[in-house]
N, C-alpha and C. Protein backbone atom coordinates (compact mmCIF):
# COMPACT_ATOMS: atom_id res chain seq x y z
N UNK A 1 12.53 39.69 -18.52
CA UNK A 1 13.07 40.80 -19.30
C UNK A 1 13.74 41.83 -18.39
N UNK A 2 13.06 42.18 -17.32
CA UNK A 2 13.62 43.18 -16.39
C UNK A 2 14.79 42.59 -15.62
N UNK A 3 14.70 41.33 -15.26
CA UNK A 3 15.81 40.69 -14.56
C UNK A 3 17.05 40.65 -15.45
N UNK A 4 16.86 40.36 -16.73
CA UNK A 4 17.99 40.37 -17.67
C UNK A 4 18.56 41.78 -17.81
N UNK A 5 17.67 42.78 -17.83
CA UNK A 5 18.13 44.17 -17.89
C UNK A 5 18.94 44.53 -16.66
N UNK A 6 18.49 44.08 -15.49
CA UNK A 6 19.24 44.34 -14.26
C UNK A 6 20.64 43.72 -14.32
N UNK A 7 20.69 42.49 -14.80
CA UNK A 7 21.97 41.79 -14.86
C UNK A 7 22.92 42.44 -15.86
N UNK A 8 22.43 42.79 -17.04
CA UNK A 8 23.30 43.41 -18.04
C UNK A 8 23.75 44.81 -17.60
N UNK A 9 22.85 45.54 -16.94
CA UNK A 9 23.22 46.86 -16.43
C UNK A 9 24.31 46.75 -15.38
N UNK A 10 24.16 45.82 -14.47
CA UNK A 10 25.17 45.63 -13.43
C UNK A 10 26.48 45.16 -14.03
N UNK A 11 26.40 44.30 -15.02
CA UNK A 11 27.61 43.81 -15.70
C UNK A 11 28.35 44.94 -16.39
N UNK A 12 27.62 45.87 -17.02
CA UNK A 12 28.25 47.02 -17.67
C UNK A 12 28.89 47.96 -16.64
N UNK A 13 28.24 48.10 -15.48
CA UNK A 13 28.76 49.00 -14.45
C UNK A 13 30.03 48.47 -13.79
N UNK A 14 29.98 47.20 -13.41
CA UNK A 14 31.06 46.66 -12.57
C UNK A 14 31.95 45.65 -13.28
N UNK A 15 31.46 45.08 -14.35
CA UNK A 15 32.23 44.04 -15.04
C UNK A 15 31.99 42.65 -14.47
N UNK A 16 31.17 42.56 -13.43
CA UNK A 16 30.88 41.28 -12.79
C UNK A 16 29.36 41.05 -12.86
N UNK A 17 28.90 39.88 -13.33
CA UNK A 17 27.45 39.63 -13.35
C UNK A 17 26.91 39.41 -11.94
N UNK A 18 25.63 39.65 -11.81
CA UNK A 18 24.96 39.43 -10.52
C UNK A 18 24.71 37.95 -10.30
N UNK A 19 24.75 37.54 -9.05
CA UNK A 19 24.39 36.17 -8.72
C UNK A 19 22.87 36.03 -8.79
N UNK A 20 22.38 34.81 -8.95
CA UNK A 20 20.95 34.60 -9.13
C UNK A 20 20.15 35.03 -7.90
N UNK A 21 20.70 34.83 -6.70
CA UNK A 21 19.95 35.25 -5.50
C UNK A 21 19.90 36.77 -5.37
N UNK A 22 20.92 37.48 -5.86
CA UNK A 22 20.90 38.94 -5.84
C UNK A 22 19.89 39.47 -6.86
N UNK A 23 19.84 38.82 -8.02
CA UNK A 23 18.83 39.21 -9.03
C UNK A 23 17.43 39.00 -8.46
N UNK A 24 17.24 37.89 -7.77
CA UNK A 24 15.94 37.62 -7.16
C UNK A 24 15.60 38.67 -6.11
N UNK A 25 16.58 39.09 -5.32
CA UNK A 25 16.36 40.12 -4.31
C UNK A 25 16.00 41.46 -4.97
N UNK A 26 16.73 41.85 -6.01
CA UNK A 26 16.41 43.09 -6.72
C UNK A 26 15.04 43.02 -7.37
N UNK A 27 14.69 41.86 -7.90
CA UNK A 27 13.38 41.67 -8.51
C UNK A 27 12.29 41.79 -7.43
N UNK A 28 12.55 41.27 -6.25
CA UNK A 28 11.59 41.38 -5.15
C UNK A 28 11.39 42.83 -4.74
N UNK A 29 12.48 43.60 -4.69
CA UNK A 29 12.36 45.03 -4.39
C UNK A 29 11.55 45.74 -5.47
N UNK A 30 11.78 45.37 -6.71
CA UNK A 30 11.07 46.01 -7.83
C UNK A 30 9.58 45.71 -7.75
N UNK A 31 9.23 44.47 -7.46
CA UNK A 31 7.83 44.08 -7.39
C UNK A 31 7.15 44.73 -6.19
N UNK A 32 7.85 44.79 -5.05
CA UNK A 32 7.21 45.34 -3.86
C UNK A 32 7.19 46.85 -3.81
N UNK A 33 7.82 47.51 -4.75
CA UNK A 33 7.78 48.98 -4.77
C UNK A 33 6.37 49.48 -5.07
N UNK A 34 5.62 48.75 -5.90
CA UNK A 34 4.26 49.19 -6.26
C UNK A 34 3.32 49.18 -5.05
N UNK A 35 3.18 48.07 -4.30
CA UNK A 35 2.28 48.13 -3.15
C UNK A 35 2.75 49.08 -2.05
N UNK A 36 4.06 49.24 -1.92
CA UNK A 36 4.56 50.22 -0.95
C UNK A 36 4.15 51.63 -1.36
N UNK A 37 4.22 51.92 -2.64
CA UNK A 37 3.74 53.20 -3.15
C UNK A 37 2.24 53.35 -2.97
N UNK A 38 1.50 52.25 -3.16
CA UNK A 38 0.06 52.28 -2.95
C UNK A 38 -0.30 52.61 -1.52
N UNK A 39 0.44 52.04 -0.59
CA UNK A 39 0.23 52.34 0.82
C UNK A 39 0.53 53.81 1.11
N UNK A 40 1.62 54.30 0.57
CA UNK A 40 1.98 55.70 0.75
C UNK A 40 0.90 56.61 0.16
N UNK A 41 0.42 56.27 -1.03
CA UNK A 41 -0.62 57.06 -1.66
C UNK A 41 -1.92 57.05 -0.90
N UNK A 42 -2.26 55.91 -0.32
CA UNK A 42 -3.49 55.81 0.47
C UNK A 42 -3.40 56.66 1.73
N UNK A 43 -2.21 56.72 2.32
CA UNK A 43 -2.03 57.56 3.50
C UNK A 43 -2.07 59.04 3.13
N UNK A 44 -1.53 59.37 1.97
CA UNK A 44 -1.53 60.77 1.51
C UNK A 44 -2.90 61.26 1.04
N UNK A 45 -3.76 60.33 0.65
CA UNK A 45 -5.03 60.71 0.01
C UNK A 45 -5.92 61.56 0.91
N UNK A 46 -6.04 61.19 2.16
CA UNK A 46 -6.92 61.94 3.07
C UNK A 46 -6.49 63.39 3.24
N UNK A 47 -5.23 63.63 3.66
CA UNK A 47 -4.79 65.02 3.78
C UNK A 47 -4.84 65.80 2.47
N UNK A 48 -4.54 65.12 1.35
CA UNK A 48 -4.61 65.80 0.05
C UNK A 48 -6.04 66.24 -0.26
N UNK A 49 -6.99 65.34 -0.01
CA UNK A 49 -8.39 65.65 -0.31
C UNK A 49 -8.90 66.81 0.55
N UNK A 50 -8.43 66.88 1.79
CA UNK A 50 -8.87 67.95 2.68
C UNK A 50 -8.20 69.27 2.33
N UNK A 51 -6.89 69.25 2.13
CA UNK A 51 -6.16 70.51 1.88
C UNK A 51 -6.39 71.06 0.48
N UNK A 52 -6.38 70.18 -0.53
CA UNK A 52 -6.46 70.65 -1.91
C UNK A 52 -7.83 70.52 -2.53
N UNK A 53 -8.69 69.73 -1.94
CA UNK A 53 -9.98 69.45 -2.54
C UNK A 53 -9.87 68.21 -3.41
N UNK A 54 -11.03 67.65 -3.76
CA UNK A 54 -11.04 66.39 -4.52
C UNK A 54 -10.50 66.56 -5.94
N UNK A 55 -11.01 67.56 -6.63
CA UNK A 55 -10.63 67.74 -8.04
C UNK A 55 -9.15 68.09 -8.17
N UNK A 56 -8.67 69.02 -7.38
CA UNK A 56 -7.26 69.41 -7.46
C UNK A 56 -6.34 68.26 -7.06
N UNK A 57 -6.77 67.44 -6.11
CA UNK A 57 -5.97 66.28 -5.72
C UNK A 57 -5.85 65.29 -6.86
N UNK A 58 -6.94 65.06 -7.57
CA UNK A 58 -6.89 64.15 -8.72
C UNK A 58 -6.03 64.72 -9.84
N UNK A 59 -6.09 66.02 -10.03
CA UNK A 59 -5.24 66.64 -11.05
C UNK A 59 -3.77 66.57 -10.66
N UNK A 60 -3.47 66.85 -9.41
CA UNK A 60 -2.09 66.75 -8.93
C UNK A 60 -1.59 65.31 -8.96
N UNK A 61 -2.48 64.38 -8.75
CA UNK A 61 -2.13 62.96 -8.75
C UNK A 61 -1.59 62.52 -10.12
N UNK A 62 -2.00 63.20 -11.16
CA UNK A 62 -1.49 62.87 -12.49
C UNK A 62 0.02 63.09 -12.59
N UNK A 63 0.54 64.00 -11.79
CA UNK A 63 1.99 64.25 -11.82
C UNK A 63 2.77 63.01 -11.40
N UNK A 64 2.24 62.23 -10.46
CA UNK A 64 2.93 61.02 -10.03
C UNK A 64 3.08 60.03 -11.18
N UNK A 65 2.03 59.85 -11.95
CA UNK A 65 2.10 58.87 -13.03
C UNK A 65 2.91 59.41 -14.22
N UNK A 66 2.93 60.72 -14.41
CA UNK A 66 3.78 61.29 -15.47
C UNK A 66 5.25 61.11 -15.12
N UNK A 67 5.59 61.36 -13.87
CA UNK A 67 6.97 61.14 -13.41
C UNK A 67 7.33 59.66 -13.54
N UNK A 68 6.40 58.78 -13.18
CA UNK A 68 6.65 57.35 -13.27
C UNK A 68 6.89 56.92 -14.72
N UNK A 69 6.09 57.44 -15.64
CA UNK A 69 6.27 57.10 -17.05
C UNK A 69 7.60 57.61 -17.59
N UNK A 70 7.98 58.82 -17.19
CA UNK A 70 9.26 59.37 -17.64
C UNK A 70 10.43 58.55 -17.09
N UNK A 71 10.36 58.17 -15.82
CA UNK A 71 11.43 57.36 -15.23
C UNK A 71 11.53 56.00 -15.92
N UNK A 72 10.39 55.39 -16.14
CA UNK A 72 10.40 54.07 -16.77
C UNK A 72 10.87 54.16 -18.22
N UNK A 73 10.44 55.20 -18.92
CA UNK A 73 10.84 55.35 -20.31
C UNK A 73 12.31 55.67 -20.50
N UNK A 74 12.90 56.36 -19.55
CA UNK A 74 14.31 56.75 -19.67
C UNK A 74 15.26 55.76 -19.00
N UNK A 75 14.74 54.71 -18.39
CA UNK A 75 15.60 53.80 -17.64
C UNK A 75 16.60 53.08 -18.53
N UNK A 76 16.21 52.71 -19.73
CA UNK A 76 17.14 52.01 -20.62
C UNK A 76 18.23 52.96 -21.11
N UNK A 77 17.84 54.17 -21.44
CA UNK A 77 18.83 55.16 -21.89
C UNK A 77 19.83 55.48 -20.78
N UNK A 78 19.33 55.60 -19.57
CA UNK A 78 20.19 55.93 -18.44
C UNK A 78 20.92 54.70 -17.89
N UNK A 79 20.53 53.52 -18.38
CA UNK A 79 21.09 52.25 -17.92
C UNK A 79 20.98 52.14 -16.40
N UNK A 80 19.75 52.33 -15.92
CA UNK A 80 19.51 52.32 -14.49
C UNK A 80 18.24 51.53 -14.17
N UNK A 81 18.39 50.36 -13.57
CA UNK A 81 17.22 49.60 -13.16
C UNK A 81 16.59 50.20 -11.91
N UNK A 82 17.34 51.05 -11.18
CA UNK A 82 16.78 51.72 -10.02
C UNK A 82 15.65 52.67 -10.42
N UNK A 83 15.73 53.20 -11.62
CA UNK A 83 14.67 54.08 -12.11
C UNK A 83 13.36 53.30 -12.29
N UNK A 84 13.46 52.03 -12.63
CA UNK A 84 12.26 51.21 -12.76
C UNK A 84 11.62 51.00 -11.39
N UNK A 85 12.45 50.77 -10.38
CA UNK A 85 11.93 50.62 -9.01
C UNK A 85 11.22 51.89 -8.56
N UNK A 86 11.85 53.03 -8.79
CA UNK A 86 11.25 54.30 -8.42
C UNK A 86 9.98 54.57 -9.22
N UNK A 87 9.99 54.18 -10.48
CA UNK A 87 8.81 54.34 -11.32
C UNK A 87 7.64 53.55 -10.78
N UNK A 88 7.90 52.32 -10.38
CA UNK A 88 6.83 51.49 -9.82
C UNK A 88 6.31 52.08 -8.51
N UNK A 89 7.20 52.67 -7.71
CA UNK A 89 6.77 53.31 -6.47
C UNK A 89 5.81 54.46 -6.78
N UNK A 90 6.18 55.33 -7.72
CA UNK A 90 5.32 56.46 -8.06
C UNK A 90 4.01 56.02 -8.70
N UNK A 91 4.03 54.93 -9.46
CA UNK A 91 2.79 54.39 -10.01
C UNK A 91 1.89 53.90 -8.88
N UNK A 92 2.47 53.29 -7.87
CA UNK A 92 1.70 52.86 -6.71
C UNK A 92 1.11 54.02 -5.94
N UNK A 93 1.88 55.11 -5.80
CA UNK A 93 1.36 56.30 -5.13
C UNK A 93 0.15 56.82 -5.90
N UNK A 94 0.26 56.86 -7.21
CA UNK A 94 -0.85 57.30 -8.04
C UNK A 94 -2.08 56.42 -7.83
N UNK A 95 -1.88 55.12 -7.80
CA UNK A 95 -3.01 54.20 -7.61
C UNK A 95 -3.62 54.36 -6.22
N UNK A 96 -2.78 54.50 -5.20
CA UNK A 96 -3.29 54.66 -3.84
C UNK A 96 -4.11 55.93 -3.66
N UNK A 97 -3.63 57.02 -4.24
CA UNK A 97 -4.36 58.29 -4.13
C UNK A 97 -5.67 58.22 -4.91
N UNK A 98 -5.59 57.72 -6.14
CA UNK A 98 -6.79 57.73 -6.98
C UNK A 98 -7.86 56.76 -6.49
N UNK A 99 -7.45 55.63 -5.92
CA UNK A 99 -8.45 54.67 -5.43
C UNK A 99 -9.22 55.21 -4.22
N UNK A 100 -8.67 56.21 -3.56
CA UNK A 100 -9.36 56.79 -2.41
C UNK A 100 -10.10 58.07 -2.75
N UNK A 101 -9.51 58.90 -3.57
CA UNK A 101 -10.12 60.21 -3.84
C UNK A 101 -11.17 60.13 -4.96
N UNK A 102 -10.96 59.28 -5.93
CA UNK A 102 -11.89 59.20 -7.06
C UNK A 102 -13.31 58.84 -6.64
N UNK A 103 -13.53 57.85 -5.76
CA UNK A 103 -14.92 57.60 -5.33
C UNK A 103 -15.53 58.78 -4.57
N UNK A 104 -14.70 59.50 -3.79
CA UNK A 104 -15.21 60.68 -3.07
C UNK A 104 -15.68 61.73 -4.07
N UNK A 105 -14.84 61.97 -5.07
CA UNK A 105 -15.16 62.99 -6.07
C UNK A 105 -16.42 62.61 -6.84
N UNK A 106 -16.52 61.35 -7.24
CA UNK A 106 -17.70 60.91 -7.98
C UNK A 106 -18.97 61.02 -7.14
N UNK A 107 -18.89 60.61 -5.90
CA UNK A 107 -20.07 60.65 -5.03
C UNK A 107 -20.51 62.08 -4.76
N UNK A 108 -19.57 63.00 -4.62
CA UNK A 108 -19.93 64.38 -4.32
C UNK A 108 -20.40 65.15 -5.55
N UNK A 109 -19.98 64.75 -6.73
CA UNK A 109 -20.36 65.49 -7.93
C UNK A 109 -21.57 64.89 -8.65
N UNK A 110 -22.02 63.72 -8.22
CA UNK A 110 -23.17 63.09 -8.87
C UNK A 110 -24.47 63.74 -8.40
N UNK A 111 -25.49 63.72 -9.27
CA UNK A 111 -26.81 64.21 -8.84
C UNK A 111 -27.35 63.36 -7.68
N UNK A 112 -28.22 63.96 -6.87
CA UNK A 112 -28.72 63.26 -5.68
C UNK A 112 -29.37 61.93 -6.00
N UNK A 113 -30.10 61.85 -7.09
CA UNK A 113 -30.81 60.61 -7.44
C UNK A 113 -29.83 59.49 -7.81
N UNK A 114 -28.69 59.83 -8.34
CA UNK A 114 -27.73 58.82 -8.79
C UNK A 114 -26.54 58.64 -7.85
N UNK A 115 -26.50 59.36 -6.77
CA UNK A 115 -25.31 59.39 -5.90
C UNK A 115 -24.93 58.01 -5.39
N UNK A 116 -25.87 57.25 -4.90
CA UNK A 116 -25.58 55.91 -4.38
C UNK A 116 -25.07 54.98 -5.45
N UNK A 117 -25.71 55.02 -6.63
CA UNK A 117 -25.30 54.13 -7.72
C UNK A 117 -23.90 54.50 -8.22
N UNK A 118 -23.63 55.79 -8.32
CA UNK A 118 -22.32 56.22 -8.80
C UNK A 118 -21.23 55.84 -7.80
N UNK A 119 -21.50 56.02 -6.52
CA UNK A 119 -20.51 55.68 -5.50
C UNK A 119 -20.26 54.17 -5.46
N UNK A 120 -21.30 53.39 -5.69
CA UNK A 120 -21.16 51.94 -5.65
C UNK A 120 -20.49 51.40 -6.91
N UNK A 121 -20.63 52.10 -8.02
CA UNK A 121 -20.07 51.62 -9.28
C UNK A 121 -18.55 51.46 -9.22
N UNK A 122 -17.88 52.41 -8.63
CA UNK A 122 -16.42 52.35 -8.52
C UNK A 122 -15.97 51.12 -7.74
N UNK A 123 -16.59 50.88 -6.60
CA UNK A 123 -16.23 49.72 -5.78
C UNK A 123 -16.58 48.42 -6.48
N UNK A 124 -17.72 48.41 -7.19
CA UNK A 124 -18.14 47.19 -7.89
C UNK A 124 -17.17 46.82 -9.00
N UNK A 125 -16.76 47.81 -9.78
CA UNK A 125 -15.84 47.51 -10.87
C UNK A 125 -14.44 47.17 -10.37
N UNK A 126 -14.04 47.72 -9.24
CA UNK A 126 -12.76 47.34 -8.64
C UNK A 126 -12.81 45.87 -8.21
N UNK A 127 -13.89 45.48 -7.56
CA UNK A 127 -14.04 44.08 -7.14
C UNK A 127 -14.12 43.15 -8.34
N UNK A 128 -14.84 43.58 -9.39
CA UNK A 128 -14.93 42.77 -10.60
C UNK A 128 -13.55 42.59 -11.25
N UNK A 129 -12.77 43.65 -11.26
CA UNK A 129 -11.43 43.57 -11.81
C UNK A 129 -10.55 42.61 -11.03
N UNK A 130 -10.67 42.61 -9.71
CA UNK A 130 -9.91 41.67 -8.89
C UNK A 130 -10.33 40.23 -9.16
N UNK A 131 -11.61 39.99 -9.28
CA UNK A 131 -12.10 38.63 -9.55
C UNK A 131 -11.63 38.17 -10.92
N UNK A 132 -11.78 39.03 -11.92
CA UNK A 132 -11.33 38.64 -13.27
C UNK A 132 -9.82 38.41 -13.32
N UNK A 133 -9.07 39.21 -12.57
CA UNK A 133 -7.62 38.99 -12.52
C UNK A 133 -7.28 37.65 -11.92
N UNK A 134 -8.02 37.23 -10.89
CA UNK A 134 -7.79 35.92 -10.28
C UNK A 134 -8.17 34.80 -11.25
N UNK A 135 -9.30 34.96 -11.94
CA UNK A 135 -9.75 33.93 -12.86
C UNK A 135 -8.77 33.77 -14.03
N UNK A 136 -8.34 34.88 -14.60
CA UNK A 136 -7.39 34.83 -15.71
C UNK A 136 -6.04 34.29 -15.24
N UNK A 137 -5.68 34.61 -14.00
CA UNK A 137 -4.41 34.12 -13.45
C UNK A 137 -4.40 32.61 -13.24
N UNK A 138 -5.57 32.02 -13.07
CA UNK A 138 -5.64 30.58 -12.86
C UNK A 138 -5.45 29.87 -14.18
């Protein structure tokens, strides 16, 4: 669906359709924008947590996903597949920041008796999600 959108958008812009290898290259950029954003978010998470605190960092992190949703939602109207790539990057930044700061926030805000269980729950459910994704993918 997105590859067809890329091709029709390019055709409307230039009058020439994209070759299949160029579509594949653009699709590769689109797919790899998410993990690149995740890496960026993971690098940003430490300084954000120190400078802004855990709670404020998580609240500010919502801005990344709001921007990503707006870019993705307006991409068809703007006839721009580049907005989808940027949207995926910002979604990855959101995921990278939240996967690092959220366990810190939970561990620090939990009562002493439950602190270990709460901190472990986040990692356990992340691992469970990865396993289920692999099983369903098979």
